[in-house]
Amino acid sequence: DSCTYNIIVTDATSPAVTNPPDSTVMCVEMAEMVDSFFTIADVISAGGSISDNCGVEFFNIISEVEVGEDTIIRTYAVIDSSNNSSTITQTIIIDDTTPPTFDAPVDVTIDCGIALDSLEILLHGQLW
C-alpha cells in the first residue's frame, strides 16, 4: 500500500526590516550628497537590516519627500517572492549648528557737516 499527499507551502510573512539610524548633515548641499540605498548591502552597511524567510525579490526606492526645510525621507519597498512587502526609510536631518562668520566693515570717520541720512558709503563692494 502507498499513500500520496500534497504539501502546500504558503508565505504570509512580510520581510523583516529595521531602519538605519538617521543621517545628520550641516546643510542642504550635504544632504544631497547622502547616497540613496541601491542594494540590501547598502542598508546593512548604514546600520539597518532586511531579511525574509523565503528571500527578498525586489528592493527599490519608491519616494523621496522633503518634510519642512530640515528633513528628507526616502522610502524603499522590500518585496519577497510571495509578494509580501515592507517598507524601510532613510531619514536625513539637516541640522546647521555652526554660526555664521563675517568680517566687520572698517571704521569710517565722517565730518560733522555731512548729513548722515543722505550719505552713501561703499565698503568692500557693498553699500552700507
Protein backbone atom coordinates (compact mmCIF):
# COMPACT_ATOMS: atom_id res chain seq x y z
CA ASP A 1 0.00 0.00 0.00
CA SER A 2 1.08 3.58 -0.63
CA CYS A 3 -0.18 6.98 0.29
CA THR A 4 0.25 10.26 -1.52
CA TYR A 5 -0.21 13.72 -0.10
CA ASN A 6 0.50 17.26 -1.17
CA ILE A 7 2.31 19.79 0.93
CA ILE A 8 1.43 23.37 0.14
CA VAL A 9 3.83 25.98 1.44
CA THR A 10 2.48 29.47 1.76
CA ASP A 11 4.43 32.51 2.81
CA ALA A 12 2.28 35.12 4.52
CA THR A 13 5.15 36.77 6.37
CA SER A 14 6.40 40.16 5.19
CA PRO A 15 10.14 40.84 5.11
CA ALA A 16 11.54 41.89 8.49
CA VAL A 17 13.14 45.32 8.29
CA THR A 18 14.90 47.73 10.61
CA ASN A 19 15.51 51.32 9.53
CA PRO A 20 19.11 52.51 9.62
CA PRO A 21 19.92 55.35 12.06
CA ASP A 22 19.13 58.86 10.85
CA SER A 23 21.88 60.70 8.98
CA THR A 24 22.54 64.25 10.19
CA VAL A 25 24.25 66.80 7.95
CA MET A 26 25.06 70.52 8.30
CA CYS A 27 23.37 71.92 5.17
CA VAL A 28 21.10 71.13 2.22
CA GLU A 29 24.05 70.71 -0.14
CA MET A 30 25.46 67.99 2.14
CA ALA A 31 22.05 66.25 2.32
CA GLU A 32 22.06 65.91 -1.45
CA MET A 33 25.38 64.05 -1.18
CA VAL A 34 23.97 61.33 1.12
CA ASP A 35 23.72 58.34 -1.20
CA SER A 36 20.45 56.52 -1.76
CA PHE A 37 20.41 52.81 -0.99
CA PHE A 38 20.76 50.72 -4.15
CA THR A 39 21.15 47.29 -2.55
CA ILE A 40 20.28 45.48 0.66
CA ALA A 41 24.01 45.57 1.44
CA ASP A 42 23.81 49.40 1.39
CA VAL A 43 21.04 49.29 4.03
CA ILE A 44 23.03 46.89 6.20
CA SER A 45 26.24 48.94 5.95
CA ALA A 46 24.24 52.02 7.04
CA GLY A 47 23.07 50.16 10.19
CA GLY A 48 19.68 48.83 9.04
CA SER A 49 18.56 45.27 8.34
CA ILE A 50 16.41 43.38 5.84
CA SER A 51 15.61 39.68 5.99
CA ASP A 52 12.90 37.30 4.81
CA ASN A 53 12.10 33.66 5.42
CA CYS A 54 11.84 32.98 1.66
CA GLY A 55 14.20 35.62 0.24
CA VAL A 56 13.81 39.19 -0.96
CA GLU A 57 12.97 39.51 -4.66
CA PHE A 58 12.62 43.27 -5.06
CA PHE A 59 14.24 46.29 -3.39
CA ASN A 60 13.85 49.81 -4.77
CA ILE A 61 13.29 53.42 -3.76
CA ILE A 62 9.62 54.41 -4.06
CA SER A 63 9.65 58.01 -2.82
CA GLU A 64 11.74 60.93 -1.58
CA VAL A 65 9.90 63.58 0.39
CA GLU A 66 11.14 66.83 1.93
CA VAL A 67 9.50 67.39 5.31
CA GLY A 68 9.78 71.08 6.07
CA GLU A 69 13.16 72.64 5.45
CA ASP A 70 15.22 70.30 7.58
CA THR A 71 14.32 66.67 6.81
CA ILE A 72 14.42 64.39 3.78
CA ILE A 73 12.77 60.96 3.98
CA ARG A 74 13.47 58.31 1.36
CA THR A 75 11.17 55.27 1.39
CA TYR A 76 12.10 51.91 -0.13
CA ALA A 77 9.93 48.89 -0.97
CA VAL A 78 11.10 45.44 0.12
CA ILE A 79 9.09 42.61 -1.52
CA ASP A 80 9.60 38.87 -1.13
CA SER A 81 8.92 36.07 -3.64
CA SER A 82 5.33 35.68 -2.35
CA ASN A 83 4.62 39.38 -2.92
CA ASN A 84 4.61 40.23 0.79
CA SER A 85 6.01 43.70 1.31
CA SER A 86 7.53 46.01 3.88
CA THR A 87 8.98 49.48 3.67
CA ILE A 88 12.17 50.90 5.05
CA THR A 89 13.02 54.57 5.45
CA GLN A 90 16.21 56.57 5.24
CA THR A 91 15.93 59.84 7.16
CA ILE A 92 18.34 62.71 6.52
CA ILE A 93 18.18 65.58 9.01
CA ILE A 94 19.68 68.97 8.22
CA ASP A 95 20.95 70.49 11.47
CA ASP A 96 23.14 73.53 10.94
CA THR A 97 24.77 74.16 14.31
CA THR A 98 27.63 76.30 13.02
CA PRO A 99 27.00 80.03 13.49
CA PRO A 100 27.78 82.26 10.52
CA THR A 101 31.02 84.22 10.50
CA PHE A 102 31.72 87.57 8.92
CA ASP A 103 34.28 90.35 8.80
CA ALA A 104 33.01 93.66 10.14
CA PRO A 105 33.46 96.65 7.82
CA VAL A 106 36.26 99.06 8.61
CA ASP A 107 35.51 102.08 10.76
CA VAL A 108 34.67 105.30 8.89
CA THR A 109 35.16 108.82 10.21
CA ILE A 110 32.65 111.43 8.97
CA ASP A 111 32.98 115.18 9.32
CA CYS A 112 30.17 116.87 11.27
CA GLY A 113 29.00 118.90 8.28
CA ILE A 114 27.72 115.89 6.27
CA ALA A 115 24.06 114.78 6.67
CA LEU A 116 24.07 111.07 7.66
CA ASP A 117 20.69 110.28 6.10
CA SER A 118 21.95 111.15 2.62
CA LEU A 119 25.44 109.64 2.97
CA GLU A 120 26.24 106.52 0.96
CA ILE A 121 29.43 104.73 1.85
CA LEU A 122 30.76 101.96 -0.35
CA LEU A 123 32.80 99.46 1.65
CA HIS A 124 34.16 96.14 0.43
CA GLY A 125 31.96 96.22 -2.66
CA GLN A 126 28.72 96.59 -0.67
CA LEU A 127 26.59 99.64 0.03
CA TRP A 128 26.40 100.31 3.79
